[in-house]
């Protein structure tokens, strides 16, 4: 039995799923950015040279650094926009999963060689 007076009880803020959805979607976007950048660096000599941040590792240093920056920037923006909101998590998870599958396909050598 709840004997607390609803008038004097402190209000408990409603839980929102915006921050979690921001993390999930930004992970999908970051993985897709990694795949696109890796494919672009593999196919284009100019992009390969631009993404060569550290010569011993080649363009991999620029690909991973740029993808991490895209992931963190996206996460920050989505967290700022969705921080106090409840969003359609099912749809966002589906989009993130689709981006993850596309990322895997773009980095799979037989498919990447077709492009």
PDB file of N, CA and C in Angstrom:
ATOM      1  N   UNK A   1       0.839  -1.161   0.000  1.00  0.00           N
ATOM      2  CA  UNK A   1       0.000   0.000   0.000  1.00  0.00           C
ATOM      3  C   UNK A   1       0.894   1.238   0.000  1.00  0.00           C
ATOM      4  N   UNK A   2       0.617   2.138  -0.849  1.00  0.00           N
ATOM      5  CA  UNK A   2       1.397   3.360  -0.975  1.00  0.00           C
ATOM      6  C   UNK A   2       0.793   4.430  -0.073  1.00  0.00           C
ATOM      7  N   UNK A   3       1.558   4.827   0.956  1.00  0.00           N
ATOM      8  CA  UNK A   3       1.045   5.828   1.900  1.00  0.00           C
ATOM      9  C   UNK A   3       1.634   7.210   1.643  1.00  0.00           C
ATOM     10  N   UNK A   4       2.448   7.340   0.615  1.00  0.00           N
ATOM     11  CA  UNK A   4       3.070   8.643   0.325  1.00  0.00           C
ATOM     12  C   UNK A   4       2.025   9.602  -0.229  1.00  0.00           C
ATOM     13  N   UNK A   5       2.131  10.804   0.198  1.00  0.00           N
ATOM     14  CA  UNK A   5       1.235  11.857  -0.272  1.00  0.00           C
ATOM     15  C   UNK A   5       1.726  12.326  -1.638  1.00  0.00           C
ATOM     16  N   UNK A   6       0.925  12.204  -2.699  1.00  0.00           N
ATOM     17  CA  UNK A   6       1.390  12.593  -4.025  1.00  0.00           C
ATOM     18  C   UNK A   6       1.702  14.082  -4.149  1.00  0.00           C
ATOM     19  N   UNK A   7       1.155  14.886  -3.295  1.00  0.00           N
ATOM     20  CA  UNK A   7       1.404  16.320  -3.374  1.00  0.00           C
ATOM     21  C   UNK A   7       2.789  16.654  -2.824  1.00  0.00           C
ATOM     22  N   UNK A   8       3.194  15.982  -1.739  1.00  0.00           N
ATOM     23  CA  UNK A   8       4.479  16.299  -1.110  1.00  0.00           C
ATOM     24  C   UNK A   8       5.609  15.392  -1.596  1.00  0.00           C
ATOM     25  N   UNK A   9       5.311  14.332  -2.320  1.00  0.00           N
ATOM     26  CA  UNK A   9       6.354  13.436  -2.820  1.00  0.00           C
ATOM     27  C   UNK A   9       7.139  14.115  -3.934  1.00  0.00           C
ATOM     28  N   UNK A  10       8.448  13.921  -3.956  1.00  0.00           N
ATOM     29  CA  UNK A  10       9.228  14.509  -5.057  1.00  0.00           C
ATOM     30  C   UNK A  10       8.860  13.828  -6.372  1.00  0.00           C
ATOM     31  N   UNK A  11       8.828  14.629  -7.401  1.00  0.00           N
ATOM     32  CA  UNK A  11       8.479  14.092  -8.713  1.00  0.00           C
ATOM     33  C   UNK A  11       9.669  13.334  -9.292  1.00  0.00           C
ATOM     34  N   UNK A  12       9.423  12.134  -9.717  1.00  0.00           N
ATOM     35  CA  UNK A  12      10.459  11.340 -10.366  1.00  0.00           C
ATOM     36  C   UNK A  12      10.358  11.610 -11.859  1.00  0.00           C
ATOM     37  N   UNK A  13      11.459  12.056 -12.482  1.00  0.00           N
ATOM     38  CA  UNK A  13      11.380  12.349 -13.909  1.00  0.00           C
ATOM     39  C   UNK A  13      11.160  11.065 -14.704  1.00  0.00           C
ATOM     40  N   UNK A  14      10.411  11.205 -15.765  1.00  0.00           N
ATOM     41  CA  UNK A  14      10.139  10.065 -16.626  1.00  0.00           C
ATOM     42  C   UNK A  14      11.417   9.660 -17.347  1.00  0.00           C
ATOM     43  N   UNK A  15      11.623   8.367 -17.483  1.00  0.00           N
ATOM     44  CA  UNK A  15      12.792   7.871 -18.199  1.00  0.00           C
ATOM     45  C   UNK A  15      12.573   8.021 -19.698  1.00  0.00           C
ATOM     46  N   UNK A  16      13.604   8.453 -20.390  1.00  0.00           N
ATOM     47  CA  UNK A  16      13.544   8.600 -21.837  1.00  0.00           C
ATOM     48  C   UNK A  16      14.561   7.672 -22.468  1.00  0.00           C
ATOM     49  N   UNK A  17      14.326   7.325 -23.731  1.00  0.00           N
ATOM     50  CA  UNK A  17      15.253   6.437 -24.412  1.00  0.00           C
ATOM     51  C   UNK A  17      16.103   7.170 -25.447  1.00  0.00           C
ATOM     52  N   UNK A  18      16.019   8.479 -25.491  1.00  0.00           N
ATOM     53  CA  UNK A  18      16.779   9.256 -26.464  1.00  0.00           C
ATOM     54  C   UNK A  18      18.277   9.058 -26.391  1.00  0.00           C
ATOM     55  N   UNK A  19      18.893   9.114 -25.201  1.00  0.00           N
ATOM     56  CA  UNK A  19      20.338   8.916 -25.134  1.00  0.00           C
ATOM     57  C   UNK A  19      20.775   7.528 -25.620  1.00  0.00           C
ATOM     58  N   UNK A  20      20.022   6.510 -25.279  1.00  0.00           N
ATOM     59  CA  UNK A  20      20.349   5.168 -25.755  1.00  0.00           C
ATOM     60  C   UNK A  20      20.176   5.029 -27.251  1.00  0.00           C
ATOM     61  N   UNK A  21      19.117   5.621 -27.770  1.00  0.00           N
ATOM     62  CA  UNK A  21      18.894   5.581 -29.217  1.00  0.00           C
ATOM     63  C   UNK A  21      19.989   6.339 -29.953  1.00  0.00           C
ATOM     64  N   UNK A  22      20.464   7.435 -29.370  1.00  0.00           N
ATOM     65  CA  UNK A  22      21.560   8.189 -29.978  1.00  0.00           C
ATOM     66  C   UNK A  22      22.815   7.333 -30.055  1.00  0.00           C
ATOM     67  N   UNK A  23      23.092   6.573 -29.015  1.00  0.00           N
ATOM     68  CA  UNK A  23      24.273   5.708 -29.010  1.00  0.00           C
ATOM     69  C   UNK A  23      24.155   4.606 -30.057  1.00  0.00           C
ATOM     70  N   UNK A  24      22.981   4.007 -30.163  1.00  0.00           N
ATOM     71  CA  UNK A  24      22.781   2.916 -31.120  1.00  0.00           C
ATOM     72  C   UNK A  24      22.900   3.421 -32.554  1.00  0.00           C
ATOM     73  N   UNK A  25      22.217   4.503 -32.872  1.00  0.00           N
ATOM     74  CA  UNK A  25      22.248   5.017 -34.245  1.00  0.00           C
ATOM     75  C   UNK A  25      23.637   5.544 -34.609  1.00  0.00           C
ATOM     76  N   UNK A  26      24.301   6.205 -33.688  1.00  0.00           N
ATOM     77  CA  UNK A  26      25.641   6.716 -34.003  1.00  0.00           C
ATOM     78  C   UNK A  26      26.626   5.577 -34.225  1.00  0.00           C
ATOM     79  N   UNK A  27      26.449   4.454 -33.556  1.00  0.00           N
ATOM     80  CA  UNK A  27      27.311   3.299 -33.805  1.00  0.00           C
ATOM     81  C   UNK A  27      27.104   2.762 -35.217  1.00  0.00           C
ATOM     82  N   UNK A  28      25.858   2.709 -35.670  1.00  0.00           N
ATOM     83  CA  UNK A  28      25.589   2.288 -37.037  1.00  0.00           C
ATOM     84  C   UNK A  28      26.166   3.244 -38.060  1.00  0.00           C
ATOM     85  N   UNK A  29      26.024   4.533 -37.805  1.00  0.00           N
ATOM     86  CA  UNK A  29      26.561   5.541 -38.721  1.00  0.00           C
ATOM     87  C   UNK A  29      28.083   5.492 -38.731  1.00  0.00           C
ATOM     88  N   UNK A  30      28.701   5.313 -37.573  1.00  0.00           N
ATOM     89  CA  UNK A  30      30.156   5.222 -37.496  1.00  0.00           C
ATOM     90  C   UNK A  30      30.703   4.013 -38.231  1.00  0.00           C
ATOM     91  N   UNK A  31      30.034   2.881 -38.108  1.00  0.00           N
ATOM     92  CA  UNK A  31      30.495   1.686 -38.815  1.00  0.00           C
ATOM     93  C   UNK A  31      30.321   1.843 -40.328  1.00  0.00           C
ATOM     94  N   UNK A  32      29.253   2.496 -40.737  1.00  0.00           N
ATOM     95  CA  UNK A  32      29.051   2.742 -42.162  1.00  0.00           C
ATOM     96  C   UNK A  32      30.102   3.715 -42.689  1.00  0.00           C
ATOM     97  N   UNK A  33      30.442   4.731 -41.905  1.00  0.00           N
ATOM     98  CA  UNK A  33      31.493   5.671 -42.303  1.00  0.00           C
ATOM     99  C   UNK A  33      32.824   4.946 -42.452  1.00  0.00           C
ATOM    100  N   UNK A  34      33.118   4.028 -41.547  1.00  0.00           N
ATOM    101  CA  UNK A  34      34.354   3.259 -41.635  1.00  0.00           C
ATOM    102  C   UNK A  34      34.409   2.451 -42.926  1.00  0.00           C
ATOM    103  N   UNK A  35      33.314   1.796 -43.269  1.00  0.00           N
ATOM    104  CA  UNK A  35      33.279   0.986 -44.486  1.00  0.00           C
ATOM    105  C   UNK A  35      33.407   1.837 -45.739  1.00  0.00           C
ATOM    106  N   UNK A  36      32.703   2.963 -45.785  1.00  0.00           N
ATOM    107  CA  UNK A  36      32.759   3.840 -46.960  1.00  0.00           C
ATOM    108  C   UNK A  36      34.149   4.433 -47.123  1.00  0.00           C
ATOM    109  N   UNK A  37      34.749   4.874 -46.020  1.00  0.00           N
ATOM    110  CA  UNK A  37      36.092   5.440 -46.094  1.00  0.00           C
ATOM    111  C   UNK A  37      37.128   4.397 -46.487  1.00  0.00           C
ATOM    112  N   UNK A  38      37.010   3.191 -45.961  1.00  0.00           N
ATOM    113  CA  UNK A  38      37.947   2.124 -46.324  1.00  0.00           C
ATOM    114  C   UNK A  38      37.829   1.779 -47.807  1.00  0.00           C
ATOM    115  N   UNK A  39      36.614   1.704 -48.294  1.00  0.00           N
ATOM    116  CA  UNK A  39      36.402   1.414 -49.718  1.00  0.00           C
ATOM    117  C   UNK A  39      36.923   2.549 -50.585  1.00  0.00           C
ATOM    118  N   UNK A  40      36.659   3.782 -50.191  1.00  0.00           N
ATOM    119  CA  UNK A  40      37.125   4.934 -50.962  1.00  0.00           C
ATOM    120  C   UNK A  40      38.646   5.011 -50.973  1.00  0.00           C
ATOM    121  N   UNK A  41      39.282   4.744 -49.846  1.00  0.00           N
ATOM    122  CA  UNK A  41      40.746   4.782 -49.786  1.00  0.00           C
ATOM    123  C   UNK A  41      41.352   3.656 -50.618  1.00  0.00           C
ATOM    124  N   UNK A  42      40.650   2.553 -50.722  1.00  0.00           N
ATOM    125  CA  UNK A  42      41.137   1.422 -51.518  1.00  0.00           C
ATOM    126  C   UNK A  42      40.998   1.683 -53.011  1.00  0.00           C
ATOM    127  N   UNK A  43      39.973   2.398 -53.399  1.00  0.00           N
ATOM    128  CA  UNK A  43      39.676   2.589 -54.829  1.00  0.00           C
ATOM    129  C   UNK A  43      40.251   3.873 -55.417  1.00  0.00           C
ATOM    130  N   UNK A  44      40.531   4.879 -54.589  1.00  0.00           N
ATOM    131  CA  UNK A  44      40.980   6.170 -55.094  1.00  0.00           C
ATOM    132  C   UNK A  44      42.371   6.507 -54.552  1.00  0.00           C
ATOM    133  N   UNK A  45      43.301   6.787 -55.466  1.00  0.00           N
ATOM    134  CA  UNK A  45      44.656   7.136 -55.050  1.00  0.00           C
ATOM    135  C   UNK A  45      44.670   8.478 -54.316  1.00  0.00           C
ATOM    136  N   UNK A  46      43.836   9.396 -54.738  1.00  0.00           N
ATOM    137  CA  UNK A  46      43.791  10.708 -54.084  1.00  0.00           C
ATOM    138  C   UNK A  46      43.274  10.589 -52.650  1.00  0.00           C
ATOM    139  N   UNK A  47      42.194   9.881 -52.453  1.00  0.00           N
ATOM    140  CA  UNK A  47      41.649   9.694 -51.105  1.00  0.00           C
ATOM    141  C   UNK A  47      42.629   8.888 -50.262  1.00  0.00           C
ATOM    142  N   UNK A  48      43.291   7.935 -50.875  1.00  0.00           N
ATOM    143  CA  UNK A  48      44.310   7.147 -50.182  1.00  0.00           C
ATOM    144  C   UNK A  48      45.402   8.056 -49.623  1.00  0.00           C
ATOM    145  N   UNK A  49      45.869   8.999 -50.430  1.00  0.00           N
ATOM    146  CA  UNK A  49      46.930   9.891 -49.957  1.00  0.00           C
ATOM    147  C   UNK A  49      46.412  10.898 -48.923  1.00  0.00           C
ATOM    148  N   UNK A  50      45.180  11.343 -49.069  1.00  0.00           N
ATOM    149  CA  UNK A  50      44.608  12.284 -48.100  1.00  0.00           C
ATOM    150  C   UNK A  50      44.427  11.623 -46.731  1.00  0.00           C
ATOM    151  N   UNK A  51      44.047  10.361 -46.718  1.00  0.00           N
ATOM    152  CA  UNK A  51      43.794   9.655 -45.459  1.00  0.00           C
ATOM    153  C   UNK A  51      45.044   9.019 -44.864  1.00  0.00           C
ATOM    154  N   UNK A  52      46.196   9.246 -45.452  1.00  0.00           N
ATOM    155  CA  UNK A  52      47.445   8.697 -44.931  1.00  0.00           C
ATOM    156  C   UNK A  52      47.990   9.637 -43.858  1.00  0.00           C
ATOM    157  N   UNK A  53      47.483   9.512 -42.639  1.00  0.00           N
ATOM    158  CA  UNK A  53      47.884  10.380 -41.532  1.00  0.00           C
ATOM    159  C   UNK A  53      49.234   9.971 -40.953  1.00  0.00           C
ATOM    160  N   UNK A  54      49.526   8.681 -40.971  1.00  0.00           N
ATOM    161  CA  UNK A  54      50.748   8.133 -40.393  1.00  0.00           C
ATOM    162  C   UNK A  54      51.311   7.121 -41.375  1.00  0.00           C
ATOM    163  N   UNK A  55      52.432   7.478 -41.997  1.00  0.00           N
ATOM    164  CA  UNK A  55      52.967   6.724 -43.121  1.00  0.00           C
ATOM    165  C   UNK A  55      53.158   5.220 -42.867  1.00  0.00           C
ATOM    166  N   UNK A  56      53.662   4.777 -41.700  1.00  0.00           N
ATOM    167  CA  UNK A  56      53.835   3.331 -41.516  1.00  0.00           C
ATOM    168  C   UNK A  56      52.540   2.514 -41.609  1.00  0.00           C
ATOM    169  N   UNK A  57      51.413   3.104 -41.260  1.00  0.00           N
ATOM    170  CA  UNK A  57      50.158   2.341 -41.337  1.00  0.00           C
ATOM    171  C   UNK A  57      49.390   2.611 -42.619  1.00  0.00           C
ATOM    172  N   UNK A  58      49.773   3.634 -43.352  1.00  0.00           N
ATOM    173  CA  UNK A  58      49.088   3.954 -44.599  1.00  0.00           C
ATOM    174  C   UNK A  58      47.747   4.613 -44.345  1.00  0.00           C
ATOM    175  N   UNK A  59      46.807   4.447 -45.271  1.00  0.00           N
ATOM    176  CA  UNK A  59      45.515   5.134 -45.135  1.00  0.00           C
ATOM    177  C   UNK A  59      44.644   4.601 -44.002  1.00  0.00           C
ATOM    178  N   UNK A  60      44.994   3.455 -43.446  1.00  0.00           N
ATOM    179  CA  UNK A  60      44.203   2.914 -42.337  1.00  0.00           C
ATOM    180  C   UNK A  60      44.151   3.883 -41.163  1.00  0.00           C
ATOM    181  N   UNK A  61      45.232   4.627 -40.938  1.00  0.00           N
ATOM    182  CA  UNK A  61      45.245   5.589 -39.837  1.00  0.00           C
ATOM    183  C   UNK A  61      44.200   6.682 -40.048  1.00  0.00           C
ATOM    184  N   UNK A  62      44.085   7.182 -41.254  1.00  0.00           N
ATOM    185  CA  UNK A  62      43.099   8.216 -41.543  1.00  0.00           C
ATOM    186  C   UNK A  62      41.681   7.682 -41.595  1.00  0.00           C
ATOM    187  N   UNK A  63      41.529   6.470 -42.116  1.00  0.00           N
ATOM    188  CA  UNK A  63      40.197   5.861 -42.204  1.00  0.00           C
ATOM    189  C   UNK A  63      39.618   5.675 -40.808  1.00  0.00           C
ATOM    190  N   UNK A  64      40.382   5.078 -39.911  1.00  0.00           N
ATOM    191  CA  UNK A  64      39.850   4.807 -38.575  1.00  0.00           C
ATOM    192  C   UNK A  64      39.678   6.095 -37.764  1.00  0.00           C
ATOM    193  N   UNK A  65      40.635   7.018 -37.896  1.00  0.00           N
ATOM    194  CA  UNK A  65      40.521   8.280 -37.155  1.00  0.00           C
ATOM    195  C   UNK A  65      39.300   9.068 -37.602  1.00  0.00           C
ATOM    196  N   UNK A  66      39.103   9.154 -38.906  1.00  0.00           N
ATOM    197  CA  UNK A  66      37.960   9.897 -39.432  1.00  0.00           C
ATOM    198  C   UNK A  66      36.646   9.219 -39.056  1.00  0.00           C
ATOM    199  N   UNK A  67      36.593   7.895 -39.131  1.00  0.00           N
ATOM    200  CA  UNK A  67      35.372   7.172 -38.762  1.00  0.00           C
ATOM    201  C   UNK A  67      35.046   7.366 -37.282  1.00  0.00           C
ATOM    202  N   UNK A  68      36.058   7.370 -36.432  1.00  0.00           N
ATOM    203  CA  UNK A  68      35.826   7.599 -35.003  1.00  0.00           C
ATOM    204  C   UNK A  68      35.309   9.014 -34.772  1.00  0.00           C
ATOM    205  N   UNK A  69      35.872   9.986 -35.483  1.00  0.00           N
ATOM    206  CA  UNK A  69      35.389  11.363 -35.355  1.00  0.00           C
ATOM    207  C   UNK A  69      33.940  11.489 -35.823  1.00  0.00           C
ATOM    208  N   UNK A  70      33.586  10.813 -36.919  1.00  0.00           N
ATOM    209  CA  UNK A  70      32.196  10.815 -37.402  1.00  0.00           C
ATOM    210  C   UNK A  70      31.282  10.203 -36.350  1.00  0.00           C
ATOM    211  N   UNK A  71      31.700   9.078 -35.774  1.00  0.00           N
ATOM    212  CA  UNK A  71      30.905   8.405 -34.749  1.00  0.00           C
ATOM    213  C   UNK A  71      30.677   9.314 -33.535  1.00  0.00           C
ATOM    214  N   UNK A  72      31.770   9.912 -33.017  1.00  0.00           N
ATOM    215  CA  UNK A  72      31.640  10.749 -31.832  1.00  0.00           C
ATOM    216  C   UNK A  72      30.838  12.017 -32.104  1.00  0.00           C
ATOM    217  N   UNK A  73      31.058  12.624 -33.257  1.00  0.00           N
ATOM    218  CA  UNK A  73      30.308  13.831 -33.615  1.00  0.00           C
ATOM    219  C   UNK A  73      28.818  13.522 -33.763  1.00  0.00           C
ATOM    220  N   UNK A  74      28.521  12.418 -34.433  1.00  0.00           N
ATOM    221  CA  UNK A  74      27.124  12.010 -34.600  1.00  0.00           C
ATOM    222  C   UNK A  74      26.481  11.703 -33.254  1.00  0.00           C
ATOM    223  N   UNK A  75      27.202  11.013 -32.408  1.00  0.00           N
ATOM    224  CA  UNK A  75      26.680  10.682 -31.085  1.00  0.00           C
ATOM    225  C   UNK A  75      26.402  11.955 -30.290  1.00  0.00           C
ATOM    226  N   UNK A  76      27.317  12.907 -30.322  1.00  0.00           N
ATOM    227  CA  UNK A  76      27.117  14.156 -29.604  1.00  0.00           C
ATOM    228  C   UNK A  76      25.920  14.939 -30.104  1.00  0.00           C
ATOM    229  N   UNK A  77      25.779  15.024 -31.417  1.00  0.00           N
ATOM    230  CA  UNK A  77      24.649  15.764 -31.990  1.00  0.00           C
ATOM    231  C   UNK A  77      23.324  15.084 -31.660  1.00  0.00           C
ATOM    232  N   UNK A  78      23.270  13.751 -31.836  1.00  0.00           N
ATOM    233  CA  UNK A  78      22.025  13.034 -31.541  1.00  0.00           C
ATOM    234  C   UNK A  78      21.698  13.075 -30.047  1.00  0.00           C
ATOM    235  N   UNK A  79      22.719  12.979 -29.204  1.00  0.00           N
ATOM    236  CA  UNK A  79      22.489  13.086 -27.757  1.00  0.00           C
ATOM    237  C   UNK A  79      21.936  14.462 -27.400  1.00  0.00           C
ATOM    238  N   UNK A  80      22.469  15.487 -28.030  1.00  0.00           N
ATOM    239  CA  UNK A  80      21.991  16.853 -27.789  1.00  0.00           C
ATOM    240  C   UNK A  80      20.538  16.999 -28.242  1.00  0.00           C
ATOM    241  N   UNK A  81      20.202  16.413 -29.392  1.00  0.00           N
ATOM    242  CA  UNK A  81      18.846  16.534 -29.935  1.00  0.00           C
ATOM    243  C   UNK A  81      17.838  15.648 -29.200  1.00  0.00           C
ATOM    244  N   UNK A  82      18.249  14.433 -28.817  1.00  0.00           N
ATOM    245  CA  UNK A  82      17.324  13.462 -28.252  1.00  0.00           C
ATOM    246  C   UNK A  82      17.504  13.245 -26.752  1.00  0.00           C
ATOM    247  N   UNK A  83      18.316  14.028 -26.087  1.00  0.00           N
ATOM    248  CA  UNK A  83      18.661  13.789 -24.687  1.00  0.00           C
ATOM    249  C   UNK A  83      17.490  13.678 -23.736  1.00  0.00           C
ATOM    250  N   UNK A  84      16.449  14.415 -23.973  1.00  0.00           N
ATOM    251  CA  UNK A  84      15.289  14.410 -23.058  1.00  0.00           C
ATOM    252  C   UNK A  84      14.011  13.940 -23.748  1.00  0.00           C
ATOM    253  N   UNK A  85      14.169  13.206 -24.840  1.00  0.00           N
ATOM    254  CA  UNK A  85      12.996  12.762 -25.598  1.00  0.00           C
ATOM    255  C   UNK A  85      12.881  11.252 -25.594  1.00  0.00           C
ATOM    256  N   UNK A  86      11.700  10.803 -25.889  1.00  0.00           N
ATOM    257  CA  UNK A  86      11.464   9.394 -26.156  1.00  0.00           C
ATOM    258  C   UNK A  86      11.263   9.252 -27.652  1.00  0.00           C
ATOM    259  N   UNK A  87      12.062   8.407 -28.261  1.00  0.00           N
ATOM    260  CA  UNK A  87      12.032   8.237 -29.710  1.00  0.00           C
ATOM    261  C   UNK A  87      11.635   6.804 -30.042  1.00  0.00           C
ATOM    262  N   UNK A  88      11.343   6.573 -31.330  1.00  0.00           N
ATOM    263  CA  UNK A  88      10.949   5.242 -31.800  1.00  0.00           C
ATOM    264  C   UNK A  88      12.192   4.352 -31.870  1.00  0.00           C
ATOM    265  N   UNK A  89      12.482   3.688 -30.779  1.00  0.00           N
ATOM    266  CA  UNK A  89      13.713   2.911 -30.679  1.00  0.00           C
ATOM    267  C   UNK A  89      13.737   1.731 -31.644  1.00  0.00           C
ATOM    268  N   UNK A  90      12.608   1.125 -31.906  1.00  0.00           N
ATOM    269  CA  UNK A  90      12.566   0.004 -32.844  1.00  0.00           C
ATOM    270  C   UNK A  90      13.007   0.416 -34.236  1.00  0.00           C
ATOM    271  N   UNK A  91      12.501   1.526 -34.701  1.00  0.00           N
ATOM    272  CA  UNK A  91      12.873   2.020 -36.033  1.00  0.00           C
ATOM    273  C   UNK A  91      14.342   2.430 -36.077  1.00  0.00           C
ATOM    274  N   UNK A  92      14.821   3.053 -35.034  1.00  0.00           N
ATOM    275  CA  UNK A  92      16.220   3.478 -34.978  1.00  0.00           C
ATOM    276  C   UNK A  92      17.142   2.269 -34.924  1.00  0.00           C
ATOM    277  N   UNK A  93      16.770   1.257 -34.165  1.00  0.00           N
ATOM    278  CA  UNK A  93      17.576   0.034 -34.101  1.00  0.00           C
ATOM    279  C   UNK A  93      17.601  -0.664 -35.458  1.00  0.00           C
ATOM    280  N   UNK A  94      16.485  -0.644 -36.169  1.00  0.00           N
ATOM    281  CA  UNK A  94      16.436  -1.253 -37.500  1.00  0.00           C
ATOM    282  C   UNK A  94      17.341  -0.504 -38.477  1.00  0.00           C
ATOM    283  N   UNK A  95      17.328   0.809 -38.429  1.00  0.00           N
ATOM    284  CA  UNK A  95      18.203   1.613 -39.291  1.00  0.00           C
ATOM    285  C   UNK A  95      19.664   1.349 -38.948  1.00  0.00           C
ATOM    286  N   UNK A  96      19.991   1.306 -37.660  1.00  0.00           N
ATOM    287  CA  UNK A  96      21.366   1.047 -37.235  1.00  0.00           C
ATOM    288  C   UNK A  96      21.822  -0.342 -37.675  1.00  0.00           C
ATOM    289  N   UNK A  97      20.945  -1.319 -37.568  1.00  0.00           N
ATOM    290  CA  UNK A  97      21.289  -2.674 -38.000  1.00  0.00           C
ATOM    291  C   UNK A  97      21.477  -2.730 -39.513  1.00  0.00           C
ATOM    292  N   UNK A  98      20.634  -2.029 -40.260  1.00  0.00           N
ATOM    293  CA  UNK A  98      20.793  -1.989 -41.719  1.00  0.00           C
ATOM    294  C   UNK A  98      22.124  -1.339 -42.096  1.00  0.00           C
ATOM    295  N   UNK A  99      22.510  -0.274 -41.401  1.00  0.00           N
ATOM    296  CA  UNK A  99      23.810   0.351 -41.660  1.00  0.00           C
ATOM    297  C   UNK A  99      24.952  -0.591 -41.318  1.00  0.00           C
ATOM    298  N   UNK A 100      24.801  -1.363 -40.268  1.00  0.00           N
ATOM    299  CA  UNK A 100      25.824  -2.339 -39.896  1.00  0.00           C
ATOM    300  C   UNK A 100      25.955  -3.431 -40.955  1.00  0.00           C
ATOM    301  N   UNK A 101      24.843  -3.921 -41.477  1.00  0.00           N
ATOM    302  CA  UNK A 101      24.877  -4.930 -42.533  1.00  0.00           C
ATOM    303  C   UNK A 101      25.509  -4.357 -43.797  1.00  0.00           C
ATOM    304  N   UNK A 102      25.135  -3.128 -44.179  1.00  0.00           N
ATOM    305  CA  UNK A 102      25.755  -2.492 -45.343  1.00  0.00           C
ATOM    306  C   UNK A 102      27.250  -2.305 -45.134  1.00  0.00           C
ATOM    307  N   UNK A 103      27.647  -1.974 -43.928  1.00  0.00           N
ATOM    308  CA  UNK A 103      29.064  -1.820 -43.618  1.00  0.00           C
ATOM    309  C   UNK A 103      29.809  -3.126 -43.822  1.00  0.00           C
ATOM    310  N   UNK A 104      29.225  -4.196 -43.328  1.00  0.00           N
ATOM    311  CA  UNK A 104      29.843  -5.508 -43.497  1.00  0.00           C
ATOM    312  C   UNK A 104      29.947  -5.865 -44.974  1.00  0.00           C
ATOM    313  N   UNK A 105      28.897  -5.614 -45.720  1.00  0.00           N
ATOM    314  CA  UNK A 105      28.921  -5.944 -47.147  1.00  0.00           C
ATOM    315  C   UNK A 105      29.957  -5.112 -47.901  1.00  0.00           C
ATOM    316  N   UNK A 106      30.087  -3.837 -47.562  1.00  0.00           N
ATOM    317  CA  UNK A 106      31.059  -2.986 -48.247  1.00  0.00           C
ATOM    318  C   UNK A 106      32.499  -3.375 -47.943  1.00  0.00           C
ATOM    319  N   UNK A 107      32.736  -3.994 -46.803  1.00  0.00           N
ATOM    320  CA  UNK A 107      34.094  -4.413 -46.470  1.00  0.00           C
ATOM    321  C   UNK A 107      34.364  -5.868 -46.826  1.00  0.00           C
ATOM    322  N   UNK A 108      33.378  -6.574 -47.322  1.00  0.00           N
ATOM    323  CA  UNK A 108      33.541  -7.956 -47.749  1.00  0.00           C
ATOM    324  C   UNK A 108      34.223  -7.947 -49.120  1.00  0.00           C
ATOM    325  N   UNK A 109      35.411  -8.542 -49.259  1.00  0.00           N
ATOM    326  CA  UNK A 109      36.208  -8.394 -50.489  1.00  0.00           C
ATOM    327  C   UNK A 109      35.482  -8.717 -51.805  1.00  0.00           C
ATOM    328  N   UNK A 110      34.727  -9.795 -51.912  1.00  0.00           N
ATOM    329  CA  UNK A 110      34.080 -10.027 -53.210  1.00  0.00           C
ATOM    330  C   UNK A 110      33.102  -8.930 -53.608  1.00  0.00           C
ATOM    331  N   UNK A 111      32.409  -8.359 -52.651  1.00  0.00           N
ATOM    332  CA  UNK A 111      31.460  -7.281 -52.958  1.00  0.00           C
ATOM    333  C   UNK A 111      32.205  -5.979 -53.188  1.00  0.00           C
ATOM    334  N   UNK A 112      33.240  -5.712 -52.384  1.00  0.00           N
ATOM    335  CA  UNK A 112      34.006  -4.481 -52.563  1.00  0.00           C
ATOM    336  C   UNK A 112      34.722  -4.464 -53.910  1.00  0.00           C
ATOM    337  N   UNK A 113      35.134  -5.625 -54.397  1.00  0.00           N
ATOM    338  CA  UNK A 113      35.814  -5.682 -55.704  1.00  0.00           C
ATOM    339  C   UNK A 113      34.854  -5.432 -56.865  1.00  0.00           C
ATOM    340  N   UNK A 114      33.566  -5.639 -56.641  1.00  0.00           N
ATOM    341  CA  UNK A 114      32.578  -5.376 -57.694  1.00  0.00           C
ATOM    342  C   UNK A 114      32.336  -3.881 -57.878  1.00  0.00           C
ATOM    343  N   UNK A 115      32.604  -3.116 -56.856  1.00  0.00           N
ATOM    344  CA  UNK A 115      32.341  -1.681 -56.909  1.00  0.00           C
ATOM    345  C   UNK A 115      33.497  -0.971 -57.573  1.00  0.00           C
TER     346      UNK A 115
END
